[in-house]
């Protein structure tokens, strides 16, 4: 499985935007709510599962989109299924590590 990521470092915080690579560039619509899973937000580079795991572990703020991404994260103990929201069947999860 491939993941699309964008990493931003600010002071001592690492922010990770990560999604299933297959979702990159898609628009998700529910009622009047439209979400674009854009390259500018998630598409800095494509990584394999092992690198995605390392990025998830070291990031302090994580914005996740996609079934595989969220499954990988929750299997690592990062985030929980109770925090997952769905838009048009696509799961989203945001995690802030304290």
PDB file of N, CA and C in Angstrom:
ATOM      1  N   UNK A   1       0.846  -1.184   0.000  1.00  0.00           N
ATOM      2  CA  UNK A   1       0.000   0.000   0.000  1.00  0.00           C
ATOM      3  C   UNK A   1       0.878   1.229   0.000  1.00  0.00           C
ATOM      4  N   UNK A   2       0.486   2.217  -0.788  1.00  0.00           N
ATOM      5  CA  UNK A   2       1.213   3.477  -0.865  1.00  0.00           C
ATOM      6  C   UNK A   2       0.406   4.584  -0.204  1.00  0.00           C
ATOM      7  N   UNK A   3       1.126   5.543   0.368  1.00  0.00           N
ATOM      8  CA  UNK A   3       0.523   6.662   1.069  1.00  0.00           C
ATOM      9  C   UNK A   3       1.097   7.961   0.511  1.00  0.00           C
ATOM     10  N   UNK A   4       0.273   8.977   0.454  1.00  0.00           N
ATOM     11  CA  UNK A   4       0.725  10.290   0.010  1.00  0.00           C
ATOM     12  C   UNK A   4       0.839  11.178   1.243  1.00  0.00           C
ATOM     13  N   UNK A   5       1.965  11.888   1.371  1.00  0.00           N
ATOM     14  CA  UNK A   5       2.224  12.648   2.589  1.00  0.00           C
ATOM     15  C   UNK A   5       2.733  14.056   2.298  1.00  0.00           C
ATOM     16  N   UNK A   6       2.501  14.932   3.265  1.00  0.00           N
ATOM     17  CA  UNK A   6       3.120  16.251   3.316  1.00  0.00           C
ATOM     18  C   UNK A   6       3.497  16.465   4.785  1.00  0.00           C
ATOM     19  N   UNK A   7       4.764  16.780   5.014  1.00  0.00           N
ATOM     20  CA  UNK A   7       5.272  16.991   6.365  1.00  0.00           C
ATOM     21  C   UNK A   7       5.658  18.457   6.515  1.00  0.00           C
ATOM     22  N   UNK A   8       5.215  19.058   7.609  1.00  0.00           N
ATOM     23  CA  UNK A   8       5.559  20.438   7.923  1.00  0.00           C
ATOM     24  C   UNK A   8       6.187  20.473   9.305  1.00  0.00           C
ATOM     25  N   UNK A   9       7.358  21.069   9.410  1.00  0.00           N
ATOM     26  CA  UNK A   9       8.037  21.228  10.694  1.00  0.00           C
ATOM     27  C   UNK A   9       7.941  22.675  11.136  1.00  0.00           C
ATOM     28  N   UNK A  10       7.516  22.887  12.374  1.00  0.00           N
ATOM     29  CA  UNK A  10       7.473  24.237  12.936  1.00  0.00           C
ATOM     30  C   UNK A  10       7.924  24.150  14.390  1.00  0.00           C
ATOM     31  N   UNK A  11       9.051  24.780  14.674  1.00  0.00           N
ATOM     32  CA  UNK A  11       9.671  24.721  15.985  1.00  0.00           C
ATOM     33  C   UNK A  11       9.903  23.245  16.317  1.00  0.00           C
ATOM     34  N   UNK A  12       9.347  22.741  17.383  1.00  0.00           N
ATOM     35  CA  UNK A  12       9.567  21.332  17.717  1.00  0.00           C
ATOM     36  C   UNK A  12       8.374  20.451  17.361  1.00  0.00           C
ATOM     37  N   UNK A  13       7.438  20.975  16.576  1.00  0.00           N
ATOM     38  CA  UNK A  13       6.245  20.218  16.189  1.00  0.00           C
ATOM     39  C   UNK A  13       6.353  19.730  14.750  1.00  0.00           C
ATOM     40  N   UNK A  14       5.927  18.499  14.547  1.00  0.00           N
ATOM     41  CA  UNK A  14       5.888  17.920  13.208  1.00  0.00           C
ATOM     42  C   UNK A  14       4.427  17.665  12.866  1.00  0.00           C
ATOM     43  N   UNK A  15       3.944  18.313  11.800  1.00  0.00           N
ATOM     44  CA  UNK A  15       2.569  18.109  11.337  1.00  0.00           C
ATOM     45  C   UNK A  15       2.600  17.237  10.096  1.00  0.00           C
ATOM     46  N   UNK A  16       1.802  16.189  10.110  1.00  0.00           N
ATOM     47  CA  UNK A  16       1.729  15.238   9.000  1.00  0.00           C
ATOM     48  C   UNK A  16       0.330  15.236   8.415  1.00  0.00           C
ATOM     49  N   UNK A  17       0.234  15.485   7.122  1.00  0.00           N
ATOM     50  CA  UNK A  17      -0.986  15.237   6.357  1.00  0.00           C
ATOM     51  C   UNK A  17      -0.715  13.967   5.568  1.00  0.00           C
ATOM     52  N   UNK A  18      -1.571  12.970   5.739  1.00  0.00           N
ATOM     53  CA  UNK A  18      -1.346  11.672   5.096  1.00  0.00           C
ATOM     54  C   UNK A  18      -2.675  11.101   4.610  1.00  0.00           C
ATOM     55  N   UNK A  19      -2.637  10.506   3.412  1.00  0.00           N
ATOM     56  CA  UNK A  19      -3.844   9.878   2.875  1.00  0.00           C
ATOM     57  C   UNK A  19      -3.458   8.645   2.066  1.00  0.00           C
ATOM     58  N   UNK A  20      -4.452   7.790   1.818  1.00  0.00           N
ATOM     59  CA  UNK A  20      -4.261   6.689   0.883  1.00  0.00           C
ATOM     60  C   UNK A  20      -3.894   7.321  -0.458  1.00  0.00           C
ATOM     61  N   UNK A  21      -2.832   6.872  -1.083  1.00  0.00           N
ATOM     62  CA  UNK A  21      -2.373   7.475  -2.338  1.00  0.00           C
ATOM     63  C   UNK A  21      -3.465   7.452  -3.408  1.00  0.00           C
ATOM     64  N   UNK A  22      -4.323   6.455  -3.373  1.00  0.00           N
ATOM     65  CA  UNK A  22      -5.394   6.344  -4.376  1.00  0.00           C
ATOM     66  C   UNK A  22      -6.439   7.454  -4.257  1.00  0.00           C
ATOM     67  N   UNK A  23      -6.474   8.160  -3.126  1.00  0.00           N
ATOM     68  CA  UNK A  23      -7.448   9.227  -2.923  1.00  0.00           C
ATOM     69  C   UNK A  23      -6.943  10.592  -3.382  1.00  0.00           C
ATOM     70  N   UNK A  24      -5.663  10.712  -3.634  1.00  0.00           N
ATOM     71  CA  UNK A  24      -5.071  11.999  -3.986  1.00  0.00           C
ATOM     72  C   UNK A  24      -5.737  12.593  -5.233  1.00  0.00           C
ATOM     73  N   UNK A  25      -6.176  13.832  -5.114  1.00  0.00           N
ATOM     74  CA  UNK A  25      -6.826  14.518  -6.227  1.00  0.00           C
ATOM     75  C   UNK A  25      -8.329  14.316  -6.314  1.00  0.00           C
ATOM     76  N   UNK A  26      -8.902  13.521  -5.425  1.00  0.00           N
ATOM     77  CA  UNK A  26     -10.348  13.247  -5.471  1.00  0.00           C
ATOM     78  C   UNK A  26     -11.136  14.316  -4.721  1.00  0.00           C
ATOM     79  N   UNK A  27     -12.353  14.524  -5.162  1.00  0.00           N
ATOM     80  CA  UNK A  27     -13.315  15.376  -4.471  1.00  0.00           C
ATOM     81  C   UNK A  27     -14.341  14.483  -3.801  1.00  0.00           C
ATOM     82  N   UNK A  28     -14.595  14.750  -2.550  1.00  0.00           N
ATOM     83  CA  UNK A  28     -15.582  14.002  -1.783  1.00  0.00           C
ATOM     84  C   UNK A  28     -16.719  14.972  -1.478  1.00  0.00           C
ATOM     85  N   UNK A  29     -17.951  14.570  -1.752  1.00  0.00           N
ATOM     86  CA  UNK A  29     -19.091  15.464  -1.583  1.00  0.00           C
ATOM     87  C   UNK A  29     -20.162  14.788  -0.728  1.00  0.00           C
ATOM     88  N   UNK A  30     -20.687  15.562   0.226  1.00  0.00           N
ATOM     89  CA  UNK A  30     -21.836  15.108   1.015  1.00  0.00           C
ATOM     90  C   UNK A  30     -22.717  16.324   1.253  1.00  0.00           C
ATOM     91  N   UNK A  31     -23.912  16.276   0.740  1.00  0.00           N
ATOM     92  CA  UNK A  31     -24.833  17.414   0.786  1.00  0.00           C
ATOM     93  C   UNK A  31     -24.142  18.619   0.149  1.00  0.00           C
ATOM     94  N   UNK A  32     -24.013  19.715   0.870  1.00  0.00           N
ATOM     95  CA  UNK A  32     -23.358  20.913   0.336  1.00  0.00           C
ATOM     96  C   UNK A  32     -21.895  21.004   0.763  1.00  0.00           C
ATOM     97  N   UNK A  33     -21.364  19.947   1.332  1.00  0.00           N
ATOM     98  CA  UNK A  33     -19.993  19.943   1.846  1.00  0.00           C
ATOM     99  C   UNK A  33     -19.079  19.243   0.844  1.00  0.00           C
ATOM    100  N   UNK A  34     -18.051  19.946   0.385  1.00  0.00           N
ATOM    101  CA  UNK A  34     -17.132  19.409  -0.616  1.00  0.00           C
ATOM    102  C   UNK A  34     -15.710  19.436  -0.064  1.00  0.00           C
ATOM    103  N   UNK A  35     -15.028  18.289  -0.090  1.00  0.00           N
ATOM    104  CA  UNK A  35     -13.642  18.198   0.358  1.00  0.00           C
ATOM    105  C   UNK A  35     -12.787  17.749  -0.819  1.00  0.00           C
ATOM    106  N   UNK A  36     -11.744  18.517  -1.096  1.00  0.00           N
ATOM    107  CA  UNK A  36     -10.793  18.164  -2.143  1.00  0.00           C
ATOM    108  C   UNK A  36      -9.541  17.614  -1.466  1.00  0.00           C
ATOM    109  N   UNK A  37      -9.216  16.377  -1.745  1.00  0.00           N
ATOM    110  CA  UNK A  37      -8.002  15.754  -1.190  1.00  0.00           C
ATOM    111  C   UNK A  37      -6.878  16.136  -2.150  1.00  0.00           C
ATOM    112  N   UNK A  38      -6.349  17.328  -1.937  1.00  0.00           N
ATOM    113  CA  UNK A  38      -5.486  17.976  -2.921  1.00  0.00           C
ATOM    114  C   UNK A  38      -4.005  17.613  -2.782  1.00  0.00           C
ATOM    115  N   UNK A  39      -3.316  17.756  -3.906  1.00  0.00           N
ATOM    116  CA  UNK A  39      -1.869  17.561  -3.912  1.00  0.00           C
ATOM    117  C   UNK A  39      -1.183  18.611  -3.055  1.00  0.00           C
ATOM    118  N   UNK A  40      -1.731  19.821  -3.024  1.00  0.00           N
ATOM    119  CA  UNK A  40      -1.103  20.876  -2.232  1.00  0.00           C
ATOM    120  C   UNK A  40      -1.162  20.582  -0.735  1.00  0.00           C
ATOM    121  N   UNK A  41      -2.136  19.814  -0.300  1.00  0.00           N
ATOM    122  CA  UNK A  41      -2.271  19.480   1.116  1.00  0.00           C
ATOM    123  C   UNK A  41      -1.647  18.128   1.467  1.00  0.00           C
ATOM    124  N   UNK A  42      -1.805  17.148   0.601  1.00  0.00           N
ATOM    125  CA  UNK A  42      -1.374  15.782   0.901  1.00  0.00           C
ATOM    126  C   UNK A  42      -0.300  15.234  -0.035  1.00  0.00           C
ATOM    127  N   UNK A  43       0.045  15.952  -1.087  1.00  0.00           N
ATOM    128  CA  UNK A  43       0.815  15.344  -2.162  1.00  0.00           C
ATOM    129  C   UNK A  43       2.269  15.732  -2.292  1.00  0.00           C
ATOM    130  N   UNK A  44       2.954  15.967  -1.192  1.00  0.00           N
ATOM    131  CA  UNK A  44       4.379  16.291  -1.287  1.00  0.00           C
ATOM    132  C   UNK A  44       5.171  15.129  -1.877  1.00  0.00           C
ATOM    133  N   UNK A  45       4.871  13.904  -1.393  1.00  0.00           N
ATOM    134  CA  UNK A  45       5.544  12.711  -1.926  1.00  0.00           C
ATOM    135  C   UNK A  45       4.773  11.449  -1.569  1.00  0.00           C
ATOM    136  N   UNK A  46       5.095  10.377  -2.277  1.00  0.00           N
ATOM    137  CA  UNK A  46       4.485   9.067  -2.060  1.00  0.00           C
ATOM    138  C   UNK A  46       5.477   8.215  -1.265  1.00  0.00           C
ATOM    139  N   UNK A  47       4.964   7.525  -0.234  1.00  0.00           N
ATOM    140  CA  UNK A  47       5.829   6.687   0.604  1.00  0.00           C
ATOM    141  C   UNK A  47       5.228   5.289   0.756  1.00  0.00           C
ATOM    142  N   UNK A  48       6.089   4.361   1.087  1.00  0.00           N
ATOM    143  CA  UNK A  48       5.681   2.982   1.382  1.00  0.00           C
ATOM    144  C   UNK A  48       5.198   2.887   2.834  1.00  0.00           C
ATOM    145  N   UNK A  49       4.615   1.756   3.186  1.00  0.00           N
ATOM    146  CA  UNK A  49       4.049   1.531   4.511  1.00  0.00           C
ATOM    147  C   UNK A  49       5.063   1.774   5.626  1.00  0.00           C
ATOM    148  N   UNK A  50       6.276   1.300   5.489  1.00  0.00           N
ATOM    149  CA  UNK A  50       7.272   1.418   6.552  1.00  0.00           C
ATOM    150  C   UNK A  50       7.588   2.877   6.865  1.00  0.00           C
ATOM    151  N   UNK A  51       7.756   3.699   5.833  1.00  0.00           N
ATOM    152  CA  UNK A  51       8.031   5.115   6.067  1.00  0.00           C
ATOM    153  C   UNK A  51       6.799   5.822   6.632  1.00  0.00           C
ATOM    154  N   UNK A  52       5.625   5.438   6.168  1.00  0.00           N
ATOM    155  CA  UNK A  52       4.390   6.015   6.704  1.00  0.00           C
ATOM    156  C   UNK A  52       4.281   5.736   8.203  1.00  0.00           C
ATOM    157  N   UNK A  53       4.626   4.518   8.618  1.00  0.00           N
ATOM    158  CA  UNK A  53       4.598   4.174  10.042  1.00  0.00           C
ATOM    159  C   UNK A  53       5.533   5.070  10.843  1.00  0.00           C
ATOM    160  N   UNK A  54       6.740   5.285  10.352  1.00  0.00           N
ATOM    161  CA  UNK A  54       7.714   6.129  11.045  1.00  0.00           C
ATOM    162  C   UNK A  54       7.221   7.566  11.139  1.00  0.00           C
ATOM    163  N   UNK A  55       6.645   8.075  10.067  1.00  0.00           N
ATOM    164  CA  UNK A  55       6.110   9.436  10.085  1.00  0.00           C
ATOM    165  C   UNK A  55       4.952   9.561  11.075  1.00  0.00           C
ATOM    166  N   UNK A  56       4.079   8.576  11.109  1.00  0.00           N
ATOM    167  CA  UNK A  56       2.972   8.589  12.067  1.00  0.00           C
ATOM    168  C   UNK A  56       3.484   8.599  13.503  1.00  0.00           C
ATOM    169  N   UNK A  57       4.514   7.825  13.781  1.00  0.00           N
ATOM    170  CA  UNK A  57       5.061   7.732  15.135  1.00  0.00           C
ATOM    171  C   UNK A  57       5.704   9.034  15.586  1.00  0.00           C
ATOM    172  N   UNK A  58       6.387   9.730  14.702  1.00  0.00           N
ATOM    173  CA  UNK A  58       7.149  10.907  15.122  1.00  0.00           C
ATOM    174  C   UNK A  58       6.388  12.232  15.008  1.00  0.00           C
ATOM    175  N   UNK A  59       5.218  12.226  14.410  1.00  0.00           N
ATOM    176  CA  UNK A  59       4.459  13.462  14.203  1.00  0.00           C
ATOM    177  C   UNK A  59       3.634  13.816  15.433  1.00  0.00           C
ATOM    178  N   UNK A  60       3.498  15.115  15.676  1.00  0.00           N
ATOM    179  CA  UNK A  60       2.732  15.573  16.833  1.00  0.00           C
ATOM    180  C   UNK A  60       1.281  15.925  16.472  1.00  0.00           C
ATOM    181  N   UNK A  61       1.054  16.309  15.231  1.00  0.00           N
ATOM    182  CA  UNK A  61      -0.292  16.581  14.730  1.00  0.00           C
ATOM    183  C   UNK A  61      -0.450  15.832  13.417  1.00  0.00           C
ATOM    184  N   UNK A  62      -1.540  15.054  13.305  1.00  0.00           N
ATOM    185  CA  UNK A  62      -1.715  14.215  12.126  1.00  0.00           C
ATOM    186  C   UNK A  62      -3.126  14.393  11.571  1.00  0.00           C
ATOM    187  N   UNK A  63      -3.203  14.695  10.282  1.00  0.00           N
ATOM    188  CA  UNK A  63      -4.460  14.827   9.559  1.00  0.00           C
ATOM    189  C   UNK A  63      -4.506  13.657   8.575  1.00  0.00           C
ATOM    190  N   UNK A  64      -5.431  12.720   8.787  1.00  0.00           N
ATOM    191  CA  UNK A  64      -5.471  11.470   8.016  1.00  0.00           C
ATOM    192  C   UNK A  64      -6.752  11.328   7.211  1.00  0.00           C
ATOM    193  N   UNK A  65      -6.606  10.756   6.005  1.00  0.00           N
ATOM    194  CA  UNK A  65      -7.762  10.475   5.155  1.00  0.00           C
ATOM    195  C   UNK A  65      -7.573   9.111   4.507  1.00  0.00           C
ATOM    196  N   UNK A  66      -8.590   8.273   4.587  1.00  0.00           N
ATOM    197  CA  UNK A  66      -8.561   6.982   3.895  1.00  0.00           C
ATOM    198  C   UNK A  66      -8.541   5.791   4.824  1.00  0.00           C
ATOM    199  N   UNK A  67      -9.148   4.722   4.365  1.00  0.00           N
ATOM    200  CA  UNK A  67      -9.273   3.504   5.172  1.00  0.00           C
ATOM    201  C   UNK A  67      -7.926   2.905   5.544  1.00  0.00           C
ATOM    202  N   UNK A  68      -7.029   2.780   4.570  1.00  0.00           N
ATOM    203  CA  UNK A  68      -5.718   2.166   4.836  1.00  0.00           C
ATOM    204  C   UNK A  68      -4.878   3.025   5.773  1.00  0.00           C
ATOM    205  N   UNK A  69      -4.923   4.331   5.587  1.00  0.00           N
ATOM    206  CA  UNK A  69      -4.166   5.247   6.440  1.00  0.00           C
ATOM    207  C   UNK A  69      -4.637   5.151   7.875  1.00  0.00           C
ATOM    208  N   UNK A  70      -5.939   5.205   8.083  1.00  0.00           N
ATOM    209  CA  UNK A  70      -6.478   5.167   9.442  1.00  0.00           C
ATOM    210  C   UNK A  70      -6.284   3.802  10.074  1.00  0.00           C
ATOM    211  N   UNK A  71      -6.404   2.741   9.307  1.00  0.00           N
ATOM    212  CA  UNK A  71      -6.137   1.408   9.824  1.00  0.00           C
ATOM    213  C   UNK A  71      -4.679   1.287  10.279  1.00  0.00           C
ATOM    214  N   UNK A  72      -3.752   1.782   9.476  1.00  0.00           N
ATOM    215  CA  UNK A  72      -2.338   1.756   9.840  1.00  0.00           C
ATOM    216  C   UNK A  72      -2.114   2.526  11.137  1.00  0.00           C
ATOM    217  N   UNK A  73      -2.681   3.701  11.236  1.00  0.00           N
ATOM    218  CA  UNK A  73      -2.511   4.542  12.412  1.00  0.00           C
ATOM    219  C   UNK A  73      -3.093   3.890  13.675  1.00  0.00           C
ATOM    220  N   UNK A  74      -4.317   3.418  13.601  1.00  0.00           N
ATOM    221  CA  UNK A  74      -4.941   2.828  14.786  1.00  0.00           C
ATOM    222  C   UNK A  74      -4.255   1.528  15.185  1.00  0.00           C
ATOM    223  N   UNK A  75      -3.726   0.775  14.229  1.00  0.00           N
ATOM    224  CA  UNK A  75      -2.956  -0.433  14.557  1.00  0.00           C
ATOM    225  C   UNK A  75      -1.682  -0.094  15.316  1.00  0.00           C
ATOM    226  N   UNK A  76      -1.160   1.122  15.110  1.00  0.00           N
ATOM    227  CA  UNK A  76       0.025   1.592  15.836  1.00  0.00           C
ATOM    228  C   UNK A  76      -0.358   2.205  17.182  1.00  0.00           C
ATOM    229  N   UNK A  77      -1.652   2.276  17.481  1.00  0.00           N
ATOM    230  CA  UNK A  77      -2.112   2.872  18.728  1.00  0.00           C
ATOM    231  C   UNK A  77      -2.217   4.386  18.660  1.00  0.00           C
ATOM    232  N   UNK A  78      -2.225   4.932  17.457  1.00  0.00           N
ATOM    233  CA  UNK A  78      -2.326   6.376  17.254  1.00  0.00           C
ATOM    234  C   UNK A  78      -3.742   6.680  16.800  1.00  0.00           C
ATOM    235  N   UNK A  79      -4.513   7.342  17.662  1.00  0.00           N
ATOM    236  CA  UNK A  79      -5.908   7.621  17.356  1.00  0.00           C
ATOM    237  C   UNK A  79      -6.783   6.419  17.679  1.00  0.00           C
ATOM    238  N   UNK A  80      -8.085   6.627  17.561  1.00  0.00           N
ATOM    239  CA  UNK A  80      -9.030   5.533  17.817  1.00  0.00           C
ATOM    240  C   UNK A  80     -10.170   5.596  16.820  1.00  0.00           C
ATOM    241  N   UNK A  81     -10.819   4.474  16.646  1.00  0.00           N
ATOM    242  CA  UNK A  81     -11.933   4.403  15.694  1.00  0.00           C
ATOM    243  C   UNK A  81     -13.093   5.302  16.123  1.00  0.00           C
ATOM    244  N   UNK A  82     -13.196   5.584  17.421  1.00  0.00           N
ATOM    245  CA  UNK A  82     -14.302   6.432  17.890  1.00  0.00           C
ATOM    246  C   UNK A  82     -14.177   7.874  17.398  1.00  0.00           C
ATOM    247  N   UNK A  83     -12.983   8.316  17.023  1.00  0.00           N
ATOM    248  CA  UNK A  83     -12.785   9.666  16.531  1.00  0.00           C
ATOM    249  C   UNK A  83     -12.940   9.811  15.027  1.00  0.00           C
ATOM    250  N   UNK A  84     -13.137   8.713  14.332  1.00  0.00           N
ATOM    251  CA  UNK A  84     -13.212   8.734  12.867  1.00  0.00           C
ATOM    252  C   UNK A  84     -14.561   9.279  12.409  1.00  0.00           C
ATOM    253  N   UNK A  85     -14.519  10.205  11.458  1.00  0.00           N
ATOM    254  CA  UNK A  85     -15.719  10.727  10.806  1.00  0.00           C
ATOM    255  C   UNK A  85     -15.662  10.326   9.335  1.00  0.00           C
ATOM    256  N   UNK A  86     -16.816  10.203   8.693  1.00  0.00           N
ATOM    257  CA  UNK A  86     -16.856   9.821   7.279  1.00  0.00           C
ATOM    258  C   UNK A  86     -17.588  10.862   6.456  1.00  0.00           C
ATOM    259  N   UNK A  87     -17.062  11.094   5.277  1.00  0.00           N
ATOM    260  CA  UNK A  87     -17.719  11.934   4.280  1.00  0.00           C
ATOM    261  C   UNK A  87     -17.802  11.093   3.015  1.00  0.00           C
ATOM    262  N   UNK A  88     -19.009  10.810   2.580  1.00  0.00           N
ATOM    263  CA  UNK A  88     -19.240  10.003   1.378  1.00  0.00           C
ATOM    264  C   UNK A  88     -18.486   8.664   1.441  1.00  0.00           C
ATOM    265  N   UNK A  89     -18.449   8.057   2.623  1.00  0.00           N
ATOM    266  CA  UNK A  89     -17.809   6.756   2.803  1.00  0.00           C
ATOM    267  C   UNK A  89     -16.302   6.798   2.970  1.00  0.00           C
ATOM    268  N   UNK A  90     -15.697   7.983   2.952  1.00  0.00           N
ATOM    269  CA  UNK A  90     -14.245   8.117   3.112  1.00  0.00           C
ATOM    270  C   UNK A  90     -13.965   8.582   4.540  1.00  0.00           C
ATOM    271  N   UNK A  91     -13.192   7.797   5.320  1.00  0.00           N
ATOM    272  CA  UNK A  91     -12.927   8.163   6.708  1.00  0.00           C
ATOM    273  C   UNK A  91     -11.846   9.238   6.855  1.00  0.00           C
ATOM    274  N   UNK A  92     -12.050  10.112   7.863  1.00  0.00           N
ATOM    275  CA  UNK A  92     -11.118  11.175   8.221  1.00  0.00           C
ATOM    276  C   UNK A  92     -10.819  11.070   9.714  1.00  0.00           C
ATOM    277  N   UNK A  93      -9.604  11.397  10.102  1.00  0.00           N
ATOM    278  CA  UNK A  93      -9.240  11.404  11.523  1.00  0.00           C
ATOM    279  C   UNK A  93      -8.129  12.422  11.730  1.00  0.00           C
ATOM    280  N   UNK A  94      -8.274  13.230  12.775  1.00  0.00           N
ATOM    281  CA  UNK A  94      -7.221  14.173  13.160  1.00  0.00           C
ATOM    282  C   UNK A  94      -6.773  13.803  14.569  1.00  0.00           C
ATOM    283  N   UNK A  95      -5.436  13.752  14.760  1.00  0.00           N
ATOM    284  CA  UNK A  95      -4.868  13.389  16.054  1.00  0.00           C
ATOM    285  C   UNK A  95      -3.889  14.469  16.493  1.00  0.00           C
ATOM    286  N   UNK A  96      -4.010  14.887  17.752  1.00  0.00           N
ATOM    287  CA  UNK A  96      -3.059  15.799  18.373  1.00  0.00           C
ATOM    288  C   UNK A  96      -2.389  15.044  19.513  1.00  0.00           C
ATOM    289  N   UNK A  97      -1.093  14.845  19.439  1.00  0.00           N
ATOM    290  CA  UNK A  97      -0.376  14.174  20.512  1.00  0.00           C
ATOM    291  C   UNK A  97       0.077  15.225  21.529  1.00  0.00           C
ATOM    292  N   UNK A  98      -0.144  14.915  22.794  1.00  0.00           N
ATOM    293  CA  UNK A  98       0.251  15.856  23.853  1.00  0.00           C
ATOM    294  C   UNK A  98       1.429  15.287  24.618  1.00  0.00           C
TER     295      UNK A  98
END
